[in-house]
Amino acid sequence: MPESSAQQSAPRLQPCPCRKSSTAGHVDTTCLKVRITHPFHPLRGRAFELICRRRHWGEDRVVYAGEDGRVCTIASAFTDIDPVDEFRRIARGRAAFRTVDLLTLCDALDRLAQQLRATDV
């Protein structure tokens, strides 16, 4: 059966060469690992591939690929994504408190002592 002229001139649809979205995130593309450093987190010390970092519900969070490949999030403060605080780097774990925090505590204790003396009179 001969084809009509309309069928002959209609372009043939080719399958799309792109199978995945070009804007979707891809695992194994960032080459940046993030290590969980929070002392009480069950995954402390483990490193995961960083997918992105963004704010979720007002909190700075790290999005990473979990061990099973699922997308997970954690507070960025619980990881090593930010550079180490200068005080912590110099103290290297030898000091439990920063100087500014101790001075603030001293001021608060002085005010408390003054209030206690004022009520004793």
C-alpha atoms as a PDB file:
ATOM      1  CA  MET A   1       0.000   0.000   0.000  1.00  0.00           C
ATOM      2  CA  PRO A   2       1.588   3.320  -1.054  1.00  0.00           C
ATOM      3  CA  GLU A   3       2.134   6.032   1.565  1.00  0.00           C
ATOM      4  CA  SER A   4       0.340   9.350   1.175  1.00  0.00           C
ATOM      5  CA  SER A   5       2.311  12.562   0.711  1.00  0.00           C
ATOM      6  CA  ALA A   6       1.360  13.711   4.244  1.00  0.00           C
ATOM      7  CA  GLN A   7       2.864  10.591   5.739  1.00  0.00           C
ATOM      8  CA  GLN A   8       6.015  10.968   3.651  1.00  0.00           C
ATOM      9  CA  SER A   9       6.696  14.574   4.724  1.00  0.00           C
ATOM     10  CA  ALA A  10       6.010  14.101   8.446  1.00  0.00           C
ATOM     11  CA  PRO A  11       9.277  14.037  10.386  1.00  0.00           C
ATOM     12  CA  ARG A  12      10.046  10.913  12.310  1.00  0.00           C
ATOM     13  CA  LEU A  13      10.295  11.427  16.041  1.00  0.00           C
ATOM     14  CA  GLN A  14      13.673  10.422  17.421  1.00  0.00           C
ATOM     15  CA  PRO A  15      14.068   9.224  20.981  1.00  0.00           C
ATOM     16  CA  CYS A  16      15.528  11.851  23.261  1.00  0.00           C
ATOM     17  CA  PRO A  17      19.261  11.241  23.752  1.00  0.00           C
ATOM     18  CA  CYS A  18      19.057  12.569  27.315  1.00  0.00           C
ATOM     19  CA  ARG A  19      17.723   9.987  29.720  1.00  0.00           C
ATOM     20  CA  LYS A  20      18.223  11.996  32.934  1.00  0.00           C
ATOM     21  CA  SER A  21      17.417  15.557  33.909  1.00  0.00           C
ATOM     22  CA  SER A  22      20.409  17.815  33.377  1.00  0.00           C
ATOM     23  CA  THR A  23      19.471  19.893  36.429  1.00  0.00           C
ATOM     24  CA  ALA A  24      19.183  17.015  38.870  1.00  0.00           C
ATOM     25  CA  GLY A  25      21.939  16.468  41.383  1.00  0.00           C
ATOM     26  CA  HIS A  26      24.295  13.611  40.700  1.00  0.00           C
ATOM     27  CA  VAL A  27      26.055  11.476  43.270  1.00  0.00           C
ATOM     28  CA  ASP A  28      29.826  11.186  42.788  1.00  0.00           C
ATOM     29  CA  THR A  29      30.103  14.612  41.153  1.00  0.00           C
ATOM     30  CA  THR A  30      31.098  16.930  43.992  1.00  0.00           C
ATOM     31  CA  CYS A  31      34.195  15.063  45.174  1.00  0.00           C
ATOM     32  CA  LEU A  32      33.686  16.784  48.514  1.00  0.00           C
ATOM     33  CA  LYS A  33      33.297  14.662  51.606  1.00  0.00           C
ATOM     34  CA  VAL A  34      31.688  15.859  54.806  1.00  0.00           C
ATOM     35  CA  ARG A  35      32.511  14.181  58.117  1.00  0.00           C
ATOM     36  CA  ILE A  36      30.038  14.046  61.008  1.00  0.00           C
ATOM     37  CA  THR A  37      31.829  15.456  64.046  1.00  0.00           C
ATOM     38  CA  HIS A  38      29.112  15.836  66.687  1.00  0.00           C
ATOM     39  CA  PRO A  39      30.319  13.831  69.712  1.00  0.00           C
ATOM     40  CA  PHE A  40      26.947  12.178  70.389  1.00  0.00           C
ATOM     41  CA  HIS A  41      25.793  11.477  66.835  1.00  0.00           C
ATOM     42  CA  PRO A  42      25.656   7.734  66.059  1.00  0.00           C
ATOM     43  CA  LEU A  43      27.485   8.287  62.736  1.00  0.00           C
ATOM     44  CA  ARG A  44      30.278  10.360  64.281  1.00  0.00           C
ATOM     45  CA  GLY A  45      33.540  10.026  62.389  1.00  0.00           C
ATOM     46  CA  ARG A  46      31.994   8.751  59.164  1.00  0.00           C
ATOM     47  CA  ALA A  47      32.481  10.719  55.959  1.00  0.00           C
ATOM     48  CA  PHE A  48      29.800  11.062  53.291  1.00  0.00           C
ATOM     49  CA  GLU A  49      29.640  12.658  49.863  1.00  0.00           C
ATOM     50  CA  LEU A  50      28.240  16.171  49.991  1.00  0.00           C
ATOM     51  CA  ILE A  51      25.316  16.822  47.674  1.00  0.00           C
ATOM     52  CA  CYS A  52      24.595  20.408  48.688  1.00  0.00           C
ATOM     53  CA  ARG A  53      24.237  22.790  51.599  1.00  0.00           C
ATOM     54  CA  ARG A  54      21.081  24.817  52.126  1.00  0.00           C
ATOM     55  CA  ARG A  55      18.674  26.216  54.670  1.00  0.00           C
ATOM     56  CA  HIS A  56      15.783  23.946  55.630  1.00  0.00           C
ATOM     57  CA  TRP A  57      13.161  25.404  57.915  1.00  0.00           C
ATOM     58  CA  GLY A  58      15.531  28.194  58.980  1.00  0.00           C
ATOM     59  CA  GLU A  59      18.433  25.884  59.826  1.00  0.00           C
ATOM     60  CA  ASP A  60      21.707  25.562  57.917  1.00  0.00           C
ATOM     61  CA  ARG A  61      21.844  21.923  56.840  1.00  0.00           C
ATOM     62  CA  VAL A  62      24.119  19.659  54.824  1.00  0.00           C
ATOM     63  CA  VAL A  63      22.525  17.287  52.318  1.00  0.00           C
ATOM     64  CA  TYR A  64      24.552  14.134  51.738  1.00  0.00           C
ATOM     65  CA  ALA A  65      24.299  10.679  50.231  1.00  0.00           C
ATOM     66  CA  GLY A  66      23.888   8.123  53.018  1.00  0.00           C
ATOM     67  CA  GLU A  67      25.522   4.707  53.115  1.00  0.00           C
ATOM     68  CA  ASP A  68      22.514   3.148  51.387  1.00  0.00           C
ATOM     69  CA  GLY A  69      22.446   5.869  48.708  1.00  0.00           C
ATOM     70  CA  ARG A  70      19.462   7.679  50.203  1.00  0.00           C
ATOM     71  CA  VAL A  71      19.510  11.449  50.533  1.00  0.00           C
ATOM     72  CA  CYS A  72      20.009  12.519  54.157  1.00  0.00           C
ATOM     73  CA  THR A  73      20.366  15.863  55.925  1.00  0.00           C
ATOM     74  CA  ILE A  74      22.133  16.947  59.083  1.00  0.00           C
ATOM     75  CA  ALA A  75      22.767  20.298  60.758  1.00  0.00           C
ATOM     76  CA  SER A  76      25.943  21.763  59.282  1.00  0.00           C
ATOM     77  CA  ALA A  77      27.171  22.505  62.820  1.00  0.00           C
ATOM     78  CA  PHE A  78      27.382  18.725  63.360  1.00  0.00           C
ATOM     79  CA  THR A  79      29.890  18.358  60.506  1.00  0.00           C
ATOM     80  CA  ASP A  80      33.310  19.577  59.459  1.00  0.00           C
ATOM     81  CA  ILE A  81      31.995  21.578  56.498  1.00  0.00           C
ATOM     82  CA  ASP A  82      32.973  24.927  58.044  1.00  0.00           C
ATOM     83  CA  PRO A  83      36.577  25.833  58.785  1.00  0.00           C
ATOM     84  CA  VAL A  84      37.658  25.127  62.330  1.00  0.00           C
ATOM     85  CA  ASP A  85      37.103  28.006  64.752  1.00  0.00           C
ATOM     86  CA  GLU A  86      40.434  29.794  65.293  1.00  0.00           C
ATOM     87  CA  PHE A  87      40.251  29.345  69.070  1.00  0.00           C
ATOM     88  CA  ARG A  88      39.559  25.628  68.790  1.00  0.00           C
ATOM     89  CA  ARG A  89      42.385  25.220  66.279  1.00  0.00           C
ATOM     90  CA  ILE A  90      44.915  26.872  68.607  1.00  0.00           C
ATOM     91  CA  ALA A  91      43.595  25.215  71.788  1.00  0.00           C
ATOM     92  CA  ARG A  92      43.634  21.746  70.138  1.00  0.00           C
ATOM     93  CA  GLY A  93      41.208  20.371  72.712  1.00  0.00           C
ATOM     94  CA  ARG A  94      43.136  21.614  75.741  1.00  0.00           C
ATOM     95  CA  ALA A  95      40.637  24.323  76.725  1.00  0.00           C
ATOM     96  CA  ALA A  96      36.990  23.614  77.408  1.00  0.00           C
ATOM     97  CA  PHE A  97      35.884  27.267  77.205  1.00  0.00           C
ATOM     98  CA  ARG A  98      36.766  30.320  75.147  1.00  0.00           C
ATOM     99  CA  THR A  99      38.201  33.353  76.936  1.00  0.00           C
ATOM    100  CA  VAL A 100      35.251  35.546  75.955  1.00  0.00           C
ATOM    101  CA  ASP A 101      32.837  32.977  77.425  1.00  0.00           C
ATOM    102  CA  LEU A 102      34.758  32.845  80.715  1.00  0.00           C
ATOM    103  CA  LEU A 103      34.782  36.651  80.958  1.00  0.00           C
ATOM    104  CA  THR A 104      31.027  36.719  80.348  1.00  0.00           C
ATOM    105  CA  LEU A 105      30.580  34.121  83.091  1.00  0.00           C
ATOM    106  CA  CYS A 106      32.698  36.217  85.493  1.00  0.00           C
ATOM    107  CA  ASP A 107      30.543  39.285  84.797  1.00  0.00           C
ATOM    108  CA  ALA A 108      27.366  37.285  85.419  1.00  0.00           C
ATOM    109  CA  LEU A 109      28.748  35.896  88.707  1.00  0.00           C
ATOM    110  CA  ASP A 110      29.782  39.407  89.828  1.00  0.00           C
ATOM    111  CA  ARG A 111      26.247  40.706  89.163  1.00  0.00           C
ATOM    112  CA  LEU A 112      24.757  37.746  91.034  1.00  0.00           C
ATOM    113  CA  ALA A 113      27.068  38.341  94.015  1.00  0.00           C
ATOM    114  CA  GLN A 114      26.061  42.014  94.122  1.00  0.00           C
ATOM    115  CA  GLN A 115      22.379  41.091  94.080  1.00  0.00           C
ATOM    116  CA  LEU A 116      22.887  38.588  96.914  1.00  0.00           C
ATOM    117  CA  ARG A 117      24.778  41.163  99.010  1.00  0.00           C
ATOM    118  CA  ALA A 118      22.018  43.730  98.391  1.00  0.00           C
ATOM    119  CA  THR A 119      19.327  41.328  99.667  1.00  0.00           C
ATOM    120  CA  ASP A 120      21.380  40.399 102.774  1.00  0.00           C
ATOM    121  CA  VAL A 121      21.432  44.013 104.069  1.00  0.00           C
END
